[in-house]
Amino acid sequence: METINACCDQITSSTSKELHVLAVDDSNIDRKVIERLLKISSFKVTVVDSGSRALQYLGLEEEEQSDSTQFDDLKVNLIITDYSMPGMTGFELLKKIKNSSTLKQIPVVIMSSENIVTRIDRCLEEGAEDYLLKPVKLSDVTRLKDSILKTETTGINQLQSHRSKRKRSDNVSFSPQQPTQKHARL
């Protein structure tokens, strides 16, 4: 019961504050553009220049070595990453995040200047929330924000519903000596 309350409180607090986006792109110009668009849309933004830096920021490398991560303090609501980067591609970053027990619930959006249908399909099948074509527009960012807020609000409603059902079931006790209403009428 306390776990549900704590989880619900975390979601509520993240929707009442700025949403935090981790933006990953090896291009300095593209990082600045996406950072500016996200800030215009009232996101808190952290930018990094590679997939490996994103994993370091998220504490995923520590997760592989131990069970403790820095993630609890970060509260990242969305990761938006370029597809084509040297070293680790955005697709590889997506797979690592979706295979992580602590990070897999974070939506990941892939950006690319290449409109390749098989690539788009592969990213979406692997768990990407969306695939945006560069240059990313303000309308794309607005749509993402609406989607995140809707998802988090749905999560809050489901948790609150579960909490109230649990409370009702905790308050109801059945005793073999007490007849139920149905039997009392007979």
Protein backbone atom coordinates (compact mmCIF):
# COMPACT_ATOMS: atom_id res chain seq x y z
CA MET A 1 0.00 0.00 0.00
CA GLU A 2 2.79 2.44 0.88
CA THR A 3 4.54 1.59 -2.39
CA ILE A 4 1.46 2.59 -4.38
CA ASN A 5 1.15 5.85 -2.42
CA ALA A 6 4.83 6.69 -2.94
CA CYS A 7 4.63 5.91 -6.64
CA CYS A 8 1.47 7.98 -7.03
CA ASP A 9 3.06 10.89 -5.14
CA GLN A 10 6.12 10.76 -7.44
CA ILE A 11 3.96 10.89 -10.56
CA THR A 12 1.84 13.71 -9.14
CA SER A 13 4.90 15.77 -8.26
CA SER A 14 6.44 15.28 -11.71
CA THR A 15 3.30 16.54 -13.46
CA SER A 16 3.07 19.60 -11.22
CA LYS A 17 6.70 20.55 -11.96
CA GLU A 18 8.58 20.92 -15.23
CA LEU A 19 8.92 17.76 -17.22
CA HIS A 20 12.57 16.75 -17.56
CA VAL A 21 13.93 15.70 -20.96
CA LEU A 22 17.32 14.15 -21.65
CA ALA A 23 18.30 15.18 -25.20
CA VAL A 24 21.05 13.19 -26.93
CA ASP A 25 22.68 14.34 -30.17
CA ASP A 26 26.26 14.39 -31.42
CA SER A 27 25.64 17.55 -33.49
CA ASN A 28 26.15 20.74 -31.49
CA ILE A 29 23.72 22.67 -33.73
CA ASP A 30 21.01 20.01 -33.46
CA ARG A 31 21.48 19.88 -29.65
CA LYS A 32 20.99 23.64 -29.43
CA VAL A 33 17.88 23.53 -31.66
CA ILE A 34 16.18 20.72 -29.73
CA GLU A 35 17.18 22.28 -26.39
CA ARG A 36 15.64 25.61 -27.42
CA LEU A 37 12.41 23.98 -28.65
CA LEU A 38 12.09 21.98 -25.44
CA LYS A 39 12.72 25.03 -23.24
CA ILE A 40 10.13 27.07 -25.20
CA SER A 41 7.69 24.27 -24.33
CA SER A 42 8.58 24.60 -20.62
CA PHE A 43 10.64 21.43 -20.36
CA LYS A 44 13.64 21.16 -18.08
CA VAL A 45 16.40 20.01 -20.46
CA THR A 46 19.66 18.15 -20.01
CA VAL A 47 21.73 17.72 -23.16
CA VAL A 48 24.52 15.22 -23.79
CA ASP A 49 26.55 14.52 -26.92
CA SER A 50 26.52 10.70 -27.07
CA GLY A 51 24.68 7.54 -26.13
CA SER A 52 27.37 6.56 -23.66
CA ARG A 53 27.11 9.94 -21.89
CA ALA A 54 23.34 9.47 -21.70
CA LEU A 55 23.85 6.09 -20.03
CA GLN A 56 26.33 7.65 -17.60
CA TYR A 57 23.86 10.43 -16.77
CA LEU A 58 21.08 7.91 -16.20
CA GLY A 59 23.32 5.74 -14.05
CA LEU A 60 22.77 2.71 -16.28
CA GLU A 61 26.42 1.71 -16.23
CA GLU A 62 26.27 1.50 -12.43
CA GLU A 63 23.10 -0.62 -12.70
CA GLU A 64 25.03 -3.24 -14.66
CA GLN A 65 27.62 -3.34 -11.87
CA SER A 66 25.24 -3.12 -8.90
CA ASP A 67 21.57 -2.75 -8.02
CA SER A 68 21.78 0.92 -7.00
CA THR A 69 21.35 3.69 -9.56
CA GLN A 70 21.24 7.46 -9.49
CA PHE A 71 17.93 7.40 -11.35
CA ASP A 72 15.71 8.12 -8.34
CA ASP A 73 17.14 11.63 -8.12
CA LEU A 74 16.93 12.38 -11.85
CA LYS A 75 13.22 11.99 -12.61
CA VAL A 76 13.69 12.04 -16.39
CA ASN A 77 10.29 12.03 -18.10
CA LEU A 78 11.48 11.64 -21.69
CA ILE A 79 14.62 10.78 -23.63
CA ILE A 80 14.94 12.20 -27.12
CA THR A 81 17.90 10.93 -29.14
CA ASP A 82 19.39 11.23 -32.58
CA TYR A 83 19.49 7.96 -34.51
CA SER A 84 22.83 8.36 -36.28
CA MET A 85 25.65 9.01 -33.83
CA PRO A 86 29.22 7.71 -33.73
CA GLY A 87 29.97 5.07 -31.12
CA MET A 88 26.51 4.15 -29.88
CA THR A 89 23.57 4.84 -32.20
CA GLY A 90 20.24 6.09 -30.93
CA PHE A 91 18.79 2.67 -31.71
CA GLU A 92 21.39 0.98 -29.50
CA LEU A 93 20.66 3.50 -26.73
CA LEU A 94 16.94 2.75 -27.09
CA LYS A 95 17.57 -0.99 -26.71
CA LYS A 96 19.72 -0.50 -23.60
CA ILE A 97 17.08 1.70 -21.98
CA LYS A 98 14.22 -0.66 -22.81
CA ASN A 99 16.23 -3.62 -21.44
CA SER A 100 16.86 -1.83 -18.14
CA SER A 101 14.56 -2.71 -15.26
CA THR A 102 14.77 0.82 -13.84
CA LEU A 103 14.60 2.86 -17.05
CA LYS A 104 12.33 0.94 -19.40
CA GLN A 105 9.23 2.95 -18.46
CA ILE A 106 10.78 6.22 -19.72
CA PRO A 107 9.49 7.11 -23.19
CA VAL A 108 12.25 7.32 -25.82
CA VAL A 109 11.83 9.34 -29.00
CA ILE A 110 14.19 8.86 -31.94
CA MET A 111 15.09 11.80 -34.23
CA SER A 112 16.61 11.48 -37.68
CA SER A 113 16.99 13.43 -40.90
CA GLU A 114 16.54 10.16 -42.80
CA ASN A 115 13.03 8.98 -43.57
CA ILE A 116 13.72 5.25 -43.90
CA VAL A 117 10.57 3.21 -43.28
CA THR A 118 12.37 0.03 -42.16
CA ARG A 119 14.41 2.06 -39.64
CA ILE A 120 11.29 3.79 -38.31
CA ASP A 121 9.46 0.45 -37.97
CA ARG A 122 12.43 -1.15 -36.22
CA CYS A 123 12.65 1.68 -33.69
CA LEU A 124 8.92 1.59 -32.95
CA GLU A 125 8.96 -2.20 -32.62
CA GLU A 126 11.85 -1.94 -30.14
CA GLY A 127 9.80 0.39 -27.95
CA ALA A 128 10.35 3.95 -29.21
CA GLU A 129 7.48 6.25 -28.32
CA ASP A 130 7.83 8.17 -31.56
CA TYR A 131 10.14 8.83 -34.50
CA LEU A 132 10.62 12.47 -35.50
CA LEU A 133 12.09 13.72 -38.75
CA LYS A 134 14.62 16.53 -38.48
CA PRO A 135 14.40 19.39 -38.40
CA VAL A 136 12.22 18.91 -35.33
CA LYS A 137 9.44 21.49 -35.13
CA LEU A 138 7.78 23.15 -32.16
CA SER A 139 4.54 21.32 -33.03
CA ASP A 140 6.42 17.98 -32.63
CA VAL A 141 7.60 18.98 -29.16
CA THR A 142 4.12 20.20 -28.16
CA ARG A 143 2.61 16.88 -29.27
CA LEU A 144 5.20 14.98 -27.23
CA LYS A 145 4.47 17.04 -24.13
CA ASP A 146 0.73 16.43 -24.48
CA SER A 147 1.40 12.71 -24.86
CA ILE A 148 3.61 12.57 -21.75
CA LEU A 149 1.12 14.51 -19.64
CA LYS A 150 -1.73 12.27 -20.81
CA THR A 151 0.29 9.13 -20.02
CA GLU A 152 1.26 10.37 -16.56
CA THR A 153 -2.30 11.49 -15.80
CA THR A 154 -3.58 8.06 -16.84
CA GLY A 155 -0.98 6.49 -14.54
CA ILE A 156 -2.12 8.68 -11.64
CA ASN A 157 -5.77 7.78 -12.23
CA GLN A 158 -4.97 4.06 -12.39
CA LEU A 159 -2.93 4.21 -9.18
CA GLN A 160 -5.59 6.23 -7.35
CA SER A 161 -8.28 3.80 -8.52
CA HIS A 162 -6.17 0.85 -7.35
CA ARG A 163 -5.54 2.61 -4.03
CA SER A 164 -9.26 3.24 -3.37
CA LYS A 165 -10.18 -0.34 -4.34
CA ARG A 166 -7.49 -1.61 -2.01
CA LYS A 167 -8.76 0.64 0.81
CA ARG A 168 -12.32 -0.65 0.35
CA SER A 169 -11.18 -4.26 0.40
CA ASP A 170 -9.08 -3.62 3.52
CA ASN A 171 -12.11 -2.17 5.33
CA VAL A 172 -14.42 -5.05 4.44
CA SER A 173 -14.08 -8.12 6.58
CA PHE A 174 -16.19 -11.21 6.41
CA SER A 175 -16.84 -13.37 9.39
CA PRO A 176 -18.35 -16.85 9.12
CA GLN A 177 -20.82 -16.00 11.91
CA GLN A 178 -22.10 -12.87 10.18
CA PRO A 179 -24.64 -13.57 7.45
CA THR A 180 -24.24 -11.62 4.26
CA GLN A 181 -27.12 -9.37 3.19
CA LYS A 182 -28.28 -11.90 0.64
CA HIS A 183 -28.57 -14.65 3.25
CA ALA A 184 -30.10 -12.33 5.86
CA ARG A 185 -33.16 -11.77 3.65
CA LEU A 186 -33.91 -15.50 3.38
